[in-house]
Amino acid sequence: MSRKQVGPETRQDDKGLAPALIAAKEKLQRSQLEDQLSNAMSKRPTREELEKNGILKEEGASHFLGSPHFVEELLLP
């Protein structure tokens, strides 16, 4: 009986790693990616900084999209 015919808890992938190790690796990679995203989001400029630097204008669609009730405003008749 080959290793691939044994139950899933003992089966190994083509690289010779147990599925549990592969799952742990993928979980760690996802966690690291989430940490990187969180770090990048915490460093992004505020709306006020973007407006001050002329990147974002206060008027028009950009102001409307910044509304906390954006979805409600779209759904109201």
Foldseek 3Di string as FASTA:
>chain_A
DDLCVDDLQRRADPVRHRPVVVVVVVVVVVVVVVVVVVVVVVPDDDPVVCCVVVNDPCDDPSVLVPDPCNVVVVPDD
